[in-house]
N, C-alpha and C. Protein backbone atom coordinates (compact mmCIF):
# COMPACT_ATOMS: atom_id res chain seq x y z
N MET A 1 -94.20 -66.60 -13.01
CA MET A 1 -95.18 -66.06 -12.07
C MET A 1 -94.96 -66.62 -10.68
N LEU A 2 -94.71 -67.92 -10.57
CA LEU A 2 -94.50 -68.54 -9.28
C LEU A 2 -93.30 -67.92 -8.56
N GLU A 3 -92.22 -67.68 -9.29
CA GLU A 3 -91.04 -67.06 -8.68
C GLU A 3 -91.38 -65.68 -8.14
N PHE A 4 -92.19 -64.93 -8.88
CA PHE A 4 -92.61 -63.60 -8.44
C PHE A 4 -93.39 -63.69 -7.13
N ILE A 5 -94.33 -64.61 -7.04
CA ILE A 5 -95.12 -64.78 -5.82
C ILE A 5 -94.22 -65.21 -4.67
N LYS A 6 -93.27 -66.10 -4.92
CA LYS A 6 -92.36 -66.54 -3.87
C LYS A 6 -91.58 -65.36 -3.30
N LYS A 7 -91.13 -64.48 -4.18
CA LYS A 7 -90.34 -63.34 -3.72
C LYS A 7 -91.22 -62.29 -3.06
N LEU A 8 -92.43 -62.15 -3.56
CA LEU A 8 -93.35 -61.14 -3.03
C LEU A 8 -93.80 -61.48 -1.62
N VAL A 9 -94.06 -62.73 -1.36
CA VAL A 9 -94.51 -63.18 -0.04
C VAL A 9 -93.53 -64.22 0.48
N GLY A 10 -93.36 -64.24 1.76
CA GLY A 10 -92.56 -65.30 2.36
C GLY A 10 -91.07 -65.08 2.33
N HIS A 11 -90.61 -64.00 1.76
CA HIS A 11 -89.19 -63.66 1.78
C HIS A 11 -88.31 -64.80 1.28
N GLY A 12 -88.60 -65.29 0.10
CA GLY A 12 -87.78 -66.32 -0.52
C GLY A 12 -88.19 -67.75 -0.18
N VAL A 13 -89.08 -67.92 0.78
CA VAL A 13 -89.56 -69.26 1.12
C VAL A 13 -90.60 -69.67 0.08
N ASP A 14 -90.57 -70.90 -0.32
CA ASP A 14 -91.52 -71.41 -1.32
C ASP A 14 -92.85 -71.71 -0.62
N LEU A 15 -93.68 -70.65 -0.48
CA LEU A 15 -94.96 -70.82 0.22
C LEU A 15 -95.90 -71.78 -0.50
N PRO A 16 -95.96 -71.76 -1.84
CA PRO A 16 -96.81 -72.77 -2.50
C PRO A 16 -96.38 -74.21 -2.13
N GLN A 17 -95.08 -74.42 -2.01
CA GLN A 17 -94.60 -75.74 -1.60
C GLN A 17 -95.01 -76.04 -0.17
N LYS A 18 -94.95 -75.03 0.70
CA LYS A 18 -95.39 -75.21 2.09
C LYS A 18 -96.87 -75.60 2.12
N MET A 19 -97.67 -75.02 1.22
CA MET A 19 -99.09 -75.38 1.13
C MET A 19 -99.23 -76.85 0.74
N LYS A 20 -98.43 -77.30 -0.22
CA LYS A 20 -98.48 -78.70 -0.64
C LYS A 20 -98.08 -79.63 0.50
N GLU A 21 -97.24 -79.12 1.41
CA GLU A 21 -96.79 -79.91 2.55
C GLU A 21 -97.79 -79.87 3.71
N GLY A 22 -98.91 -79.17 3.52
CA GLY A 22 -99.95 -79.17 4.54
C GLY A 22 -100.03 -77.94 5.42
N ALA A 23 -99.36 -76.86 5.03
CA ALA A 23 -99.41 -75.64 5.84
C ALA A 23 -100.85 -75.16 6.01
N VAL A 24 -101.09 -74.50 7.14
CA VAL A 24 -102.41 -73.96 7.46
C VAL A 24 -102.34 -72.45 7.31
N ILE A 25 -103.31 -71.88 6.58
CA ILE A 25 -103.39 -70.42 6.47
C ILE A 25 -104.24 -69.90 7.62
N VAL A 26 -103.66 -68.98 8.38
CA VAL A 26 -104.37 -68.35 9.50
C VAL A 26 -104.55 -66.87 9.18
N ASP A 27 -105.79 -66.46 9.07
CA ASP A 27 -106.14 -65.07 8.82
C ASP A 27 -106.35 -64.41 10.18
N VAL A 28 -105.54 -63.38 10.48
CA VAL A 28 -105.56 -62.79 11.81
C VAL A 28 -106.42 -61.52 11.90
N ARG A 29 -107.25 -61.30 10.90
CA ARG A 29 -108.16 -60.14 10.92
C ARG A 29 -109.36 -60.42 11.82
N SER A 30 -110.15 -59.38 12.04
CA SER A 30 -111.36 -59.52 12.85
C SER A 30 -112.37 -60.42 12.13
N PRO A 31 -113.32 -60.99 12.87
CA PRO A 31 -114.35 -61.81 12.22
C PRO A 31 -115.12 -61.04 11.13
N ASP A 32 -115.38 -59.75 11.34
CA ASP A 32 -116.10 -58.97 10.32
C ASP A 32 -115.26 -58.82 9.05
N GLU A 33 -113.96 -58.55 9.22
CA GLU A 33 -113.08 -58.44 8.05
C GLU A 33 -113.02 -59.78 7.31
N TYR A 34 -112.90 -60.85 8.07
CA TYR A 34 -112.82 -62.19 7.50
C TYR A 34 -114.09 -62.51 6.71
N ALA A 35 -115.23 -62.15 7.28
CA ALA A 35 -116.52 -62.42 6.62
C ALA A 35 -116.64 -61.67 5.29
N ALA A 36 -115.97 -60.55 5.16
CA ALA A 36 -116.05 -59.75 3.93
C ALA A 36 -115.23 -60.36 2.79
N GLY A 37 -114.39 -61.33 3.09
CA GLY A 37 -113.57 -61.99 2.07
C GLY A 37 -112.38 -62.65 2.72
N HIS A 38 -112.06 -63.89 2.30
CA HIS A 38 -110.94 -64.61 2.91
C HIS A 38 -110.50 -65.75 2.00
N VAL A 39 -109.38 -66.34 2.36
CA VAL A 39 -108.87 -67.50 1.64
C VAL A 39 -109.72 -68.71 2.00
N LYS A 40 -110.22 -69.39 0.99
CA LYS A 40 -111.03 -70.59 1.22
C LYS A 40 -110.20 -71.61 1.99
N GLY A 41 -110.78 -72.12 3.07
CA GLY A 41 -110.10 -73.12 3.88
C GLY A 41 -109.21 -72.55 4.97
N SER A 42 -109.08 -71.23 5.01
CA SER A 42 -108.25 -70.62 6.05
C SER A 42 -108.97 -70.63 7.39
N LYS A 43 -108.19 -70.47 8.44
CA LYS A 43 -108.75 -70.38 9.79
C LYS A 43 -108.68 -68.93 10.24
N ASN A 44 -109.75 -68.43 10.82
CA ASN A 44 -109.78 -67.06 11.32
C ASN A 44 -109.50 -67.06 12.82
N ILE A 45 -108.31 -66.60 13.16
CA ILE A 45 -107.95 -66.42 14.56
C ILE A 45 -107.47 -64.98 14.69
N PRO A 46 -108.33 -64.08 15.16
CA PRO A 46 -107.94 -62.67 15.27
C PRO A 46 -106.65 -62.50 16.07
N MET A 47 -105.87 -61.51 15.68
CA MET A 47 -104.58 -61.26 16.29
C MET A 47 -104.64 -61.26 17.82
N GLY A 48 -105.64 -60.65 18.39
CA GLY A 48 -105.77 -60.55 19.83
C GLY A 48 -106.03 -61.88 20.54
N LYS A 49 -106.34 -62.92 19.77
CA LYS A 49 -106.64 -64.23 20.37
C LYS A 49 -105.54 -65.27 20.10
N ILE A 50 -104.52 -64.87 19.37
CA ILE A 50 -103.47 -65.83 19.00
C ILE A 50 -102.80 -66.44 20.23
N GLU A 51 -102.43 -65.60 21.18
CA GLU A 51 -101.72 -66.13 22.35
C GLU A 51 -102.55 -67.17 23.11
N SER A 52 -103.85 -66.94 23.20
CA SER A 52 -104.70 -67.91 23.91
C SER A 52 -104.90 -69.19 23.10
N LYS A 53 -104.62 -69.16 21.81
CA LYS A 53 -104.77 -70.33 20.94
C LYS A 53 -103.42 -70.99 20.64
N LEU A 54 -102.35 -70.48 21.22
CA LEU A 54 -101.00 -70.93 20.89
C LEU A 54 -100.81 -72.43 21.08
N GLU A 55 -101.27 -72.98 22.18
CA GLU A 55 -101.09 -74.42 22.42
C GLU A 55 -101.84 -75.25 21.38
N ALA A 56 -103.03 -74.82 21.00
CA ALA A 56 -103.81 -75.53 19.98
C ALA A 56 -103.08 -75.46 18.62
N ILE A 57 -102.53 -74.30 18.30
CA ILE A 57 -101.80 -74.14 17.04
C ILE A 57 -100.58 -75.04 17.01
N LYS A 58 -99.87 -75.13 18.12
CA LYS A 58 -98.69 -76.01 18.20
C LYS A 58 -99.09 -77.46 17.95
N LYS A 59 -100.26 -77.86 18.43
CA LYS A 59 -100.71 -79.25 18.27
C LYS A 59 -101.01 -79.60 16.81
N TRP A 60 -101.25 -78.58 15.97
CA TRP A 60 -101.46 -78.87 14.55
C TRP A 60 -100.22 -79.54 13.98
N ASP A 61 -99.04 -79.17 14.50
CA ASP A 61 -97.76 -79.70 14.02
C ASP A 61 -97.61 -79.53 12.51
N LYS A 62 -97.97 -78.33 12.05
CA LYS A 62 -97.88 -77.98 10.63
C LYS A 62 -97.36 -76.56 10.51
N PRO A 63 -96.73 -76.24 9.37
CA PRO A 63 -96.35 -74.84 9.15
C PRO A 63 -97.60 -73.98 9.12
N VAL A 64 -97.45 -72.73 9.54
CA VAL A 64 -98.56 -71.77 9.53
C VAL A 64 -98.18 -70.61 8.63
N ILE A 65 -99.09 -70.24 7.75
CA ILE A 65 -98.92 -69.07 6.89
C ILE A 65 -99.96 -68.06 7.33
N THR A 66 -99.49 -66.90 7.81
CA THR A 66 -100.41 -65.89 8.31
C THR A 66 -100.73 -64.86 7.22
N CYS A 67 -101.93 -64.28 7.33
CA CYS A 67 -102.33 -63.21 6.42
C CYS A 67 -103.27 -62.27 7.16
N CYS A 68 -103.44 -61.08 6.60
CA CYS A 68 -104.35 -60.08 7.18
C CYS A 68 -104.76 -59.13 6.05
N ALA A 69 -104.95 -57.86 6.35
CA ALA A 69 -105.34 -56.90 5.33
C ALA A 69 -104.13 -56.34 4.59
N SER A 70 -103.07 -56.01 5.33
CA SER A 70 -101.91 -55.36 4.69
C SER A 70 -100.61 -56.12 4.88
N GLY A 71 -100.54 -56.99 5.86
CA GLY A 71 -99.31 -57.70 6.16
C GLY A 71 -98.70 -57.30 7.49
N MET A 72 -99.20 -56.23 8.10
CA MET A 72 -98.65 -55.76 9.38
C MET A 72 -99.02 -56.72 10.53
N ARG A 73 -100.30 -56.97 10.69
CA ARG A 73 -100.73 -57.86 11.78
C ARG A 73 -100.21 -59.27 11.56
N SER A 74 -100.27 -59.74 10.33
CA SER A 74 -99.81 -61.10 10.06
C SER A 74 -98.31 -61.24 10.28
N GLY A 75 -97.55 -60.19 10.02
CA GLY A 75 -96.12 -60.21 10.29
C GLY A 75 -95.84 -60.30 11.78
N THR A 76 -96.60 -59.55 12.56
CA THR A 76 -96.45 -59.59 14.02
C THR A 76 -96.79 -60.97 14.55
N VAL A 77 -97.88 -61.56 14.05
CA VAL A 77 -98.30 -62.89 14.50
C VAL A 77 -97.30 -63.95 14.07
N ALA A 78 -96.80 -63.87 12.83
CA ALA A 78 -95.81 -64.85 12.37
C ALA A 78 -94.58 -64.82 13.28
N SER A 79 -94.13 -63.62 13.65
CA SER A 79 -92.98 -63.49 14.55
C SER A 79 -93.27 -64.10 15.92
N LEU A 80 -94.46 -63.85 16.44
CA LEU A 80 -94.86 -64.41 17.73
C LEU A 80 -94.87 -65.94 17.68
N LEU A 81 -95.44 -66.48 16.60
CA LEU A 81 -95.49 -67.93 16.46
C LEU A 81 -94.08 -68.52 16.39
N LYS A 82 -93.20 -67.89 15.60
CA LYS A 82 -91.82 -68.37 15.49
C LYS A 82 -91.13 -68.38 16.85
N ARG A 83 -91.31 -67.30 17.61
CA ARG A 83 -90.69 -67.22 18.95
C ARG A 83 -91.19 -68.32 19.87
N ASN A 84 -92.34 -68.87 19.55
CA ASN A 84 -92.93 -69.92 20.37
C ASN A 84 -92.80 -71.31 19.74
N GLY A 85 -91.89 -71.44 18.79
CA GLY A 85 -91.56 -72.74 18.24
C GLY A 85 -92.43 -73.24 17.10
N VAL A 86 -93.24 -72.36 16.52
CA VAL A 86 -94.09 -72.75 15.38
C VAL A 86 -93.41 -72.30 14.09
N GLU A 87 -93.35 -73.18 13.11
CA GLU A 87 -92.85 -72.80 11.80
C GLU A 87 -93.91 -71.89 11.17
N ALA A 88 -93.58 -70.60 11.02
CA ALA A 88 -94.58 -69.64 10.56
C ALA A 88 -94.00 -68.68 9.53
N TYR A 89 -94.86 -68.28 8.60
CA TYR A 89 -94.48 -67.37 7.51
C TYR A 89 -95.58 -66.34 7.32
N ASN A 90 -95.18 -65.12 7.00
CA ASN A 90 -96.13 -64.05 6.73
C ASN A 90 -96.38 -63.96 5.23
N ALA A 91 -97.61 -64.18 4.80
CA ALA A 91 -97.96 -64.05 3.39
C ALA A 91 -98.41 -62.63 3.06
N GLY A 92 -98.62 -61.79 4.06
CA GLY A 92 -99.08 -60.42 3.80
C GLY A 92 -100.58 -60.37 3.64
N PRO A 93 -101.06 -59.55 2.69
CA PRO A 93 -102.51 -59.42 2.48
C PRO A 93 -103.16 -60.76 2.11
N TRP A 94 -104.38 -60.93 2.58
CA TRP A 94 -105.06 -62.21 2.33
C TRP A 94 -105.22 -62.50 0.85
N GLN A 95 -105.33 -61.46 0.01
CA GLN A 95 -105.48 -61.69 -1.42
C GLN A 95 -104.25 -62.36 -2.00
N LYS A 96 -103.07 -62.02 -1.48
CA LYS A 96 -101.84 -62.67 -1.94
C LYS A 96 -101.79 -64.10 -1.41
N ALA A 97 -102.21 -64.30 -0.19
CA ALA A 97 -102.25 -65.66 0.36
C ALA A 97 -103.20 -66.53 -0.45
N ASP A 98 -104.28 -65.93 -0.93
CA ASP A 98 -105.27 -66.67 -1.71
C ASP A 98 -104.64 -67.25 -2.96
N LYS A 99 -103.68 -66.56 -3.54
CA LYS A 99 -103.01 -67.04 -4.75
C LYS A 99 -102.20 -68.31 -4.49
N LEU A 100 -101.84 -68.54 -3.23
CA LEU A 100 -101.09 -69.75 -2.89
C LEU A 100 -101.94 -71.00 -3.02
N THR A 101 -103.25 -70.83 -2.95
CA THR A 101 -104.15 -71.98 -2.99
C THR A 101 -104.63 -72.30 -4.39
N LYS A 102 -104.23 -71.51 -5.34
CA LYS A 102 -104.71 -71.69 -6.73
C LYS A 102 -103.77 -72.60 -7.51
């Protein structure tokens, strides 16, 4: 099962291992979407606010695993973070990211 999850999210990266190493899950959906259900312990930073929070995210000095509703927004944000020097991975839908914490 773990191998399946690794291949399904993160494109071969061992995201559960990244979680053990202290990665932060960032849910990039709107506050209303986040309130309807999210990964326990995740941070809600809507996609439109990521750039303004970039310096704060860099200061975490931890890998970031992004999630959203389908994986589109989180993929865009993961790419943006990577371009700005943050170790970032797209987990896709938040429900799949939630499995990383179990």
